[in-house]
């Protein structure tokens, strides 16, 4: 006698809960960077009050291509573009190894993620910064 209405209410509740749950499903995403290049400056270790220390250095990557009419025959001028990346290492073991062994001019491979942030410079001007947060070297 009461069985049918109770089942109907239960099915409506379950259906509604599954609709809510499906709307809360998080999508997977990927933020990975692989760089191979030369270190532009000796690493510096910095520590802000109340935060973990970080090792920071710059890394140059080069892109080369040939320009001209006969690219198939390897003729033409060689052009090169250098891109500089700011590398930050927060992981305790890796941070110390980077600070101790990475030197200016070293050729290294870095894996990590891209991070976009803001900071205020000495003149109290807001600036944007793009950083590679390394987790493998």
N, C-alpha and C. Protein backbone atom coordinates (compact mmCIF):
# COMPACT_ATOMS: atom_id res chain seq x y z
N UNK A 1 0.81 -1.18 0.00
CA UNK A 1 0.00 0.00 0.00
C UNK A 1 0.86 1.26 0.00
N UNK A 2 1.80 1.37 0.93
CA UNK A 2 2.70 2.53 0.98
C UNK A 2 3.98 2.28 0.19
N UNK A 3 4.13 1.10 -0.29
CA UNK A 3 5.36 0.72 -0.94
C UNK A 3 5.61 1.52 -2.21
N UNK A 4 4.66 1.67 -3.08
CA UNK A 4 4.84 2.36 -4.34
C UNK A 4 5.20 3.83 -4.14
N UNK A 5 4.50 4.61 -3.34
CA UNK A 5 4.90 6.02 -3.16
C UNK A 5 6.29 6.16 -2.55
N UNK A 6 6.66 5.28 -1.63
CA UNK A 6 7.98 5.35 -1.02
C UNK A 6 9.05 5.08 -2.07
N UNK A 7 8.84 4.08 -2.93
CA UNK A 7 9.80 3.79 -3.99
C UNK A 7 9.91 4.94 -4.98
N UNK A 8 8.79 5.57 -5.30
CA UNK A 8 8.83 6.70 -6.23
C UNK A 8 9.65 7.85 -5.64
N UNK A 9 9.44 8.16 -4.39
CA UNK A 9 10.20 9.22 -3.73
C UNK A 9 11.69 8.85 -3.69
N UNK A 10 11.97 7.60 -3.39
CA UNK A 10 13.36 7.15 -3.33
C UNK A 10 14.03 7.29 -4.69
N UNK A 11 13.36 6.86 -5.76
CA UNK A 11 13.93 6.96 -7.11
C UNK A 11 14.15 8.42 -7.51
N UNK A 12 13.24 9.30 -7.17
CA UNK A 12 13.42 10.72 -7.48
C UNK A 12 14.62 11.28 -6.72
N UNK A 13 14.76 10.88 -5.46
CA UNK A 13 15.89 11.35 -4.66
C UNK A 13 17.22 10.86 -5.25
N UNK A 14 17.29 9.58 -5.61
CA UNK A 14 18.52 9.00 -6.17
C UNK A 14 18.83 9.67 -7.51
N UNK A 15 17.85 9.89 -8.35
CA UNK A 15 18.05 10.54 -9.64
C UNK A 15 18.60 11.96 -9.44
N UNK A 16 18.01 12.69 -8.49
CA UNK A 16 18.47 14.06 -8.22
C UNK A 16 19.89 14.06 -7.69
N UNK A 17 20.21 13.16 -6.78
CA UNK A 17 21.56 13.09 -6.22
C UNK A 17 22.58 12.76 -7.31
N UNK A 18 22.24 11.87 -8.24
CA UNK A 18 23.19 11.51 -9.30
C UNK A 18 23.40 12.68 -10.26
N UNK A 19 22.36 13.50 -10.49
CA UNK A 19 22.52 14.69 -11.33
C UNK A 19 23.44 15.69 -10.66
N UNK A 20 23.30 15.87 -9.36
CA UNK A 20 24.17 16.79 -8.61
C UNK A 20 25.59 16.26 -8.63
N UNK A 21 25.77 14.97 -8.40
CA UNK A 21 27.11 14.38 -8.38
C UNK A 21 27.79 14.51 -9.74
N UNK A 22 27.05 14.31 -10.82
CA UNK A 22 27.67 14.41 -12.14
C UNK A 22 28.05 15.84 -12.47
N UNK A 23 27.36 16.83 -11.91
CA UNK A 23 27.73 18.21 -12.17
C UNK A 23 28.97 18.62 -11.36
N UNK A 24 29.32 17.86 -10.31
CA UNK A 24 30.48 18.17 -9.48
C UNK A 24 31.73 17.41 -9.88
N UNK A 25 31.66 16.60 -10.92
CA UNK A 25 32.81 15.81 -11.35
C UNK A 25 33.90 16.75 -11.87
N UNK A 26 35.11 16.58 -11.35
CA UNK A 26 36.23 17.42 -11.77
C UNK A 26 36.90 16.81 -12.99
N UNK A 27 37.21 17.65 -13.94
CA UNK A 27 37.90 17.19 -15.13
C UNK A 27 39.39 17.14 -14.86
N UNK A 28 40.04 16.20 -15.50
CA UNK A 28 41.49 16.13 -15.40
C UNK A 28 42.09 17.14 -16.38
N UNK A 29 43.24 17.66 -16.02
CA UNK A 29 43.94 18.57 -16.91
C UNK A 29 45.43 18.30 -16.78
N UNK A 30 46.23 18.96 -17.61
CA UNK A 30 47.66 18.70 -17.63
C UNK A 30 48.41 20.01 -17.77
N UNK A 31 49.39 20.20 -16.91
CA UNK A 31 50.26 21.37 -16.96
C UNK A 31 51.68 20.85 -16.81
N UNK A 32 52.35 20.48 -17.90
CA UNK A 32 53.70 19.92 -17.89
C UNK A 32 54.59 20.68 -18.86
N UNK A 33 55.83 20.88 -18.47
CA UNK A 33 56.82 21.55 -19.30
C UNK A 33 58.09 20.73 -19.27
N UNK A 34 58.73 20.58 -20.44
CA UNK A 34 60.03 19.93 -20.54
C UNK A 34 60.96 20.92 -21.24
N UNK A 35 62.08 21.22 -20.60
CA UNK A 35 63.04 22.17 -21.16
C UNK A 35 64.43 21.56 -21.14
N UNK A 36 65.20 21.81 -22.20
CA UNK A 36 66.59 21.42 -22.27
C UNK A 36 67.35 22.65 -22.74
N UNK A 37 68.25 23.12 -21.92
CA UNK A 37 68.96 24.34 -22.28
C UNK A 37 70.15 24.58 -21.40
N UNK A 38 70.64 25.82 -21.45
CA UNK A 38 71.81 26.22 -20.67
C UNK A 38 71.43 27.20 -19.58
N UNK A 39 72.06 27.04 -18.42
CA UNK A 39 71.79 27.89 -17.26
C UNK A 39 72.43 29.26 -17.51
N UNK A 40 71.67 30.32 -17.26
CA UNK A 40 72.13 31.67 -17.53
C UNK A 40 72.80 32.34 -16.36
N UNK A 41 72.53 31.87 -15.15
CA UNK A 41 73.14 32.47 -13.95
C UNK A 41 73.24 31.40 -12.88
N UNK A 42 74.19 31.56 -11.98
CA UNK A 42 74.29 30.62 -10.86
C UNK A 42 73.01 30.69 -10.03
N UNK A 43 72.54 29.55 -9.53
CA UNK A 43 71.31 29.55 -8.73
C UNK A 43 71.44 30.39 -7.46
N UNK A 44 70.32 30.96 -7.06
CA UNK A 44 70.23 31.75 -5.84
C UNK A 44 69.17 31.12 -4.96
N UNK A 45 69.46 30.98 -3.66
CA UNK A 45 68.45 30.45 -2.75
C UNK A 45 67.86 31.62 -1.97
N UNK A 46 66.54 31.69 -1.98
CA UNK A 46 65.83 32.76 -1.27
C UNK A 46 64.83 32.15 -0.31
N UNK A 47 64.57 32.91 0.76
CA UNK A 47 63.56 32.48 1.71
C UNK A 47 62.80 33.70 2.21
N UNK A 48 61.48 33.65 2.03
CA UNK A 48 60.60 34.70 2.53
C UNK A 48 60.11 34.26 3.90
N UNK A 49 59.95 35.20 4.80
CA UNK A 49 59.52 34.87 6.16
C UNK A 49 58.26 34.01 6.16
N UNK A 50 58.33 32.92 6.88
CA UNK A 50 57.17 32.05 7.03
C UNK A 50 56.93 31.12 5.85
N UNK A 51 57.82 31.14 4.86
CA UNK A 51 57.64 30.26 3.69
C UNK A 51 58.89 29.40 3.51
N UNK A 52 58.74 28.33 2.74
CA UNK A 52 59.85 27.45 2.45
C UNK A 52 60.86 28.14 1.55
N UNK A 53 62.14 27.78 1.66
CA UNK A 53 63.14 28.36 0.76
C UNK A 53 62.93 27.87 -0.67
N UNK A 54 63.46 28.62 -1.63
CA UNK A 54 63.34 28.28 -3.04
C UNK A 54 64.66 28.58 -3.72
N UNK A 55 65.07 27.71 -4.65
CA UNK A 55 66.25 27.95 -5.47
C UNK A 55 65.76 28.46 -6.82
N UNK A 56 66.35 29.56 -7.28
CA UNK A 56 65.92 30.21 -8.52
C UNK A 56 67.11 30.37 -9.45
N UNK A 57 66.90 30.08 -10.74
CA UNK A 57 67.91 30.35 -11.76
C UNK A 57 67.21 30.54 -13.10
N UNK A 58 67.96 31.03 -14.08
CA UNK A 58 67.39 31.22 -15.42
C UNK A 58 67.93 30.15 -16.35
N UNK A 59 67.13 29.80 -17.35
CA UNK A 59 67.49 28.77 -18.31
C UNK A 59 67.18 29.28 -19.71
N UNK A 60 68.15 29.16 -20.62
CA UNK A 60 67.96 29.61 -22.00
C UNK A 60 67.71 28.41 -22.91
N UNK A 61 66.67 28.50 -23.73
CA UNK A 61 66.43 27.51 -24.77
C UNK A 61 66.52 28.21 -26.11
N UNK A 62 67.02 27.50 -27.12
CA UNK A 62 67.21 28.08 -28.45
C UNK A 62 66.35 27.37 -29.47
N UNK A 63 65.83 28.14 -30.38
CA UNK A 63 65.06 27.61 -31.51
C UNK A 63 65.79 28.06 -32.77
N UNK A 64 66.10 27.12 -33.64
CA UNK A 64 66.85 27.45 -34.86
C UNK A 64 66.07 27.02 -36.08
N UNK A 65 66.18 27.79 -37.17
CA UNK A 65 65.53 27.44 -38.42
C UNK A 65 66.31 28.07 -39.57
N UNK A 66 66.08 27.50 -40.74
CA UNK A 66 66.70 28.04 -41.95
C UNK A 66 65.68 28.85 -42.72
N UNK A 67 66.13 29.97 -43.21
CA UNK A 67 65.25 30.80 -44.03
C UNK A 67 65.87 30.92 -45.41
N UNK A 68 65.07 31.16 -46.37
CA UNK A 68 65.57 31.27 -47.74
C UNK A 68 64.68 30.51 -48.68
N UNK A 69 65.05 30.55 -49.95
CA UNK A 69 64.21 29.94 -50.98
C UNK A 69 64.34 28.44 -51.04
N UNK A 70 65.54 27.87 -50.84
CA UNK A 70 65.69 26.43 -50.98
C UNK A 70 65.97 25.75 -49.65
N UNK A 71 64.96 25.67 -48.83
CA UNK A 71 65.10 25.03 -47.52
C UNK A 71 65.35 23.53 -47.66
N UNK A 72 64.86 22.93 -48.74
CA UNK A 72 65.01 21.49 -48.94
C UNK A 72 66.48 21.11 -49.13
N UNK A 73 67.30 21.99 -49.65
CA UNK A 73 68.71 21.70 -49.90
C UNK A 73 69.62 22.27 -48.81
N UNK A 74 69.08 22.61 -47.69
CA UNK A 74 69.83 23.14 -46.55
C UNK A 74 70.57 24.43 -46.89
N UNK A 75 70.02 25.21 -47.81
CA UNK A 75 70.60 26.50 -48.15
C UNK A 75 69.86 27.59 -47.39
N UNK A 76 70.43 28.74 -47.34
CA UNK A 76 69.77 29.86 -46.70
C UNK A 76 70.43 30.22 -45.39
N UNK A 77 69.96 31.30 -44.81
CA UNK A 77 70.52 31.79 -43.56
C UNK A 77 69.91 31.03 -42.38
N UNK A 78 70.74 30.79 -41.39
CA UNK A 78 70.26 30.15 -40.17
C UNK A 78 69.86 31.25 -39.20
N UNK A 79 68.63 31.16 -38.72
CA UNK A 79 68.14 32.12 -37.74
C UNK A 79 67.98 31.41 -36.40
N UNK A 80 68.12 32.18 -35.33
CA UNK A 80 68.02 31.61 -33.99
C UNK A 80 67.28 32.56 -33.08
N UNK A 81 66.45 31.97 -32.23
CA UNK A 81 65.73 32.75 -31.23
C UNK A 81 66.01 32.12 -29.87
N UNK A 82 66.41 32.93 -28.91
CA UNK A 82 66.67 32.46 -27.55
C UNK A 82 65.52 32.89 -26.66
N UNK A 83 65.00 31.95 -25.89
CA UNK A 83 63.94 32.24 -24.93
C UNK A 83 64.47 31.97 -23.53
N UNK A 84 64.26 32.92 -22.63
CA UNK A 84 64.71 32.78 -21.25
C UNK A 84 63.55 32.37 -20.36
N UNK A 85 63.82 31.41 -19.47
CA UNK A 85 62.82 30.89 -18.54
C UNK A 85 63.33 31.06 -17.12
N UNK A 86 62.43 31.43 -16.23
CA UNK A 86 62.75 31.53 -14.80
C UNK A 86 62.36 30.20 -14.17
N UNK A 87 63.33 29.52 -13.55
CA UNK A 87 63.11 28.21 -12.95
C UNK A 87 63.12 28.36 -11.43
N UNK A 88 62.10 27.83 -10.77
CA UNK A 88 62.02 27.82 -9.31
C UNK A 88 61.94 26.38 -8.84
N UNK A 89 62.75 26.04 -7.84
CA UNK A 89 62.77 24.68 -7.31
C UNK A 89 62.41 24.74 -5.82
N UNK A 90 61.26 24.16 -5.47
CA UNK A 90 60.77 24.17 -4.10
C UNK A 90 61.01 22.86 -3.36
N UNK A 91 61.07 21.73 -4.08
CA UNK A 91 61.24 20.42 -3.44
C UNK A 91 62.55 20.39 -2.65
N UNK A 92 62.50 20.02 -1.35
CA UNK A 92 63.68 20.13 -0.49
C UNK A 92 64.95 19.47 -1.02
N UNK A 93 64.92 18.21 -1.41
CA UNK A 93 66.14 17.55 -1.90
C UNK A 93 66.62 18.14 -3.21
N UNK A 94 65.71 18.33 -4.13
CA UNK A 94 66.05 18.86 -5.45
C UNK A 94 66.52 20.31 -5.36
N UNK A 95 65.91 21.06 -4.47
CA UNK A 95 66.28 22.46 -4.27
C UNK A 95 67.74 22.57 -3.86
N UNK A 96 68.17 21.72 -2.92
CA UNK A 96 69.54 21.76 -2.42
C UNK A 96 70.54 21.30 -3.48
N UNK A 97 70.18 20.26 -4.23
CA UNK A 97 71.05 19.76 -5.30
C UNK A 97 71.22 20.83 -6.38
N UNK A 98 70.13 21.48 -6.75
CA UNK A 98 70.20 22.53 -7.77
C UNK A 98 71.10 23.67 -7.29
N UNK A 99 70.95 24.06 -6.05
CA UNK A 99 71.76 25.16 -5.52
C UNK A 99 73.24 24.80 -5.47
N UNK A 100 73.54 23.55 -5.15
CA UNK A 100 74.93 23.14 -4.97
C UNK A 100 75.63 22.81 -6.29
N UNK A 101 74.95 22.15 -7.24
CA UNK A 101 75.64 21.61 -8.42
C UNK A 101 75.36 22.33 -9.73
N UNK A 102 74.24 23.02 -9.86
CA UNK A 102 73.94 23.71 -11.11
C UNK A 102 74.75 25.00 -11.17
N UNK A 103 75.45 25.21 -12.26
CA UNK A 103 76.29 26.40 -12.43
C UNK A 103 75.99 27.07 -13.76
N UNK A 104 76.34 28.34 -13.86
CA UNK A 104 76.14 29.10 -15.09
C UNK A 104 76.84 28.37 -16.24
N UNK A 105 76.11 28.23 -17.36
CA UNK A 105 76.65 27.55 -18.53
C UNK A 105 76.37 26.07 -18.59
N UNK A 106 75.92 25.47 -17.47
CA UNK A 106 75.60 24.04 -17.47
C UNK A 106 74.43 23.76 -18.39
N UNK A 107 74.48 22.62 -19.05
CA UNK A 107 73.36 22.19 -19.90
C UNK A 107 72.53 21.23 -19.07
N UNK A 108 71.27 21.58 -18.83
CA UNK A 108 70.42 20.75 -17.98
C UNK A 108 69.04 20.55 -18.60
N UNK A 109 68.40 19.50 -18.13
CA UNK A 109 67.03 19.16 -18.51
C UNK A 109 66.15 19.42 -17.29
N UNK A 110 65.03 20.11 -17.50
CA UNK A 110 64.12 20.44 -16.40
C UNK A 110 62.71 20.01 -16.78
N UNK A 111 62.02 19.37 -15.85
CA UNK A 111 60.61 19.05 -16.01
C UNK A 111 59.85 19.73 -14.89
N UNK A 112 58.67 20.25 -15.22
CA UNK A 112 57.88 20.90 -14.19
C UNK A 112 56.56 21.40 -14.73
N UNK A 113 56.06 22.48 -14.13
CA UNK A 113 54.79 23.06 -14.55
C UNK A 113 54.93 24.57 -14.67
N UNK A 114 54.07 25.16 -15.48
CA UNK A 114 54.06 26.60 -15.66
C UNK A 114 53.20 27.23 -14.57
N UNK A 115 53.70 28.34 -14.02
CA UNK A 115 52.96 29.06 -13.00
C UNK A 115 52.98 30.54 -13.35
N UNK A 116 51.82 31.16 -13.30
CA UNK A 116 51.69 32.59 -13.58
C UNK A 116 51.36 33.28 -12.27
N UNK A 117 52.10 34.32 -11.95
CA UNK A 117 51.87 35.01 -10.70
C UNK A 117 52.10 36.50 -10.82
N UNK A 118 51.86 37.18 -9.72
CA UNK A 118 52.08 38.62 -9.65
C UNK A 118 52.95 38.94 -8.46
N UNK A 119 53.70 40.02 -8.58
CA UNK A 119 54.47 40.51 -7.45
C UNK A 119 54.54 42.03 -7.54
N UNK A 120 54.95 42.65 -6.46
CA UNK A 120 55.11 44.10 -6.42
C UNK A 120 56.60 44.41 -6.36
N UNK A 121 57.08 45.21 -7.31
CA UNK A 121 58.51 45.51 -7.36
C UNK A 121 58.89 46.59 -6.35
N UNK A 122 60.14 47.01 -6.40
CA UNK A 122 60.67 47.99 -5.44
C UNK A 122 59.95 49.33 -5.53
N UNK A 123 59.46 49.67 -6.71
CA UNK A 123 58.77 50.95 -6.92
C UNK A 123 57.27 50.84 -6.65
N UNK A 124 56.86 49.75 -6.04
CA UNK A 124 55.45 49.51 -5.70
C UNK A 124 54.57 49.37 -6.95
N UNK A 125 55.14 48.83 -8.02
CA UNK A 125 54.41 48.60 -9.26
C UNK A 125 54.11 47.11 -9.35
N UNK A 126 52.86 46.77 -9.67
CA UNK A 126 52.46 45.36 -9.83
C UNK A 126 53.00 44.83 -11.14
N UNK A 127 53.65 43.67 -11.08
CA UNK A 127 54.20 43.04 -12.27
C UNK A 127 53.75 41.58 -12.33
N UNK A 128 53.70 41.07 -13.57
CA UNK A 128 53.36 39.67 -13.77
C UNK A 128 54.63 38.88 -14.02
N UNK A 129 54.65 37.64 -13.55
CA UNK A 129 55.81 36.78 -13.73
C UNK A 129 55.38 35.38 -14.14
N UNK A 130 56.08 34.83 -15.12
CA UNK A 130 55.86 33.44 -15.53
C UNK A 130 57.04 32.64 -15.02
N UNK A 131 56.77 31.56 -14.31
CA UNK A 131 57.81 30.75 -13.70
C UNK A 131 57.57 29.29 -14.03
N UNK A 132 58.66 28.54 -14.21
CA UNK A 132 58.59 27.10 -14.33
C UNK A 132 58.93 26.55 -12.95
N UNK A 133 57.99 25.81 -12.35
CA UNK A 133 58.24 25.18 -11.06
C UNK A 133 58.74 23.76 -11.34
N UNK A 134 60.03 23.56 -11.10
CA UNK A 134 60.69 22.29 -11.46
C UNK A 134 60.41 21.23 -10.41
N UNK A 135 60.14 20.01 -10.90
CA UNK A 135 60.04 18.87 -9.99
C UNK A 135 60.96 17.73 -10.39
N UNK A 136 61.65 17.88 -11.55
CA UNK A 136 62.67 16.91 -11.98
C UNK A 136 63.78 17.67 -12.69
N UNK A 137 65.02 17.25 -12.47
CA UNK A 137 66.15 17.86 -13.18
C UNK A 137 67.15 16.79 -13.52
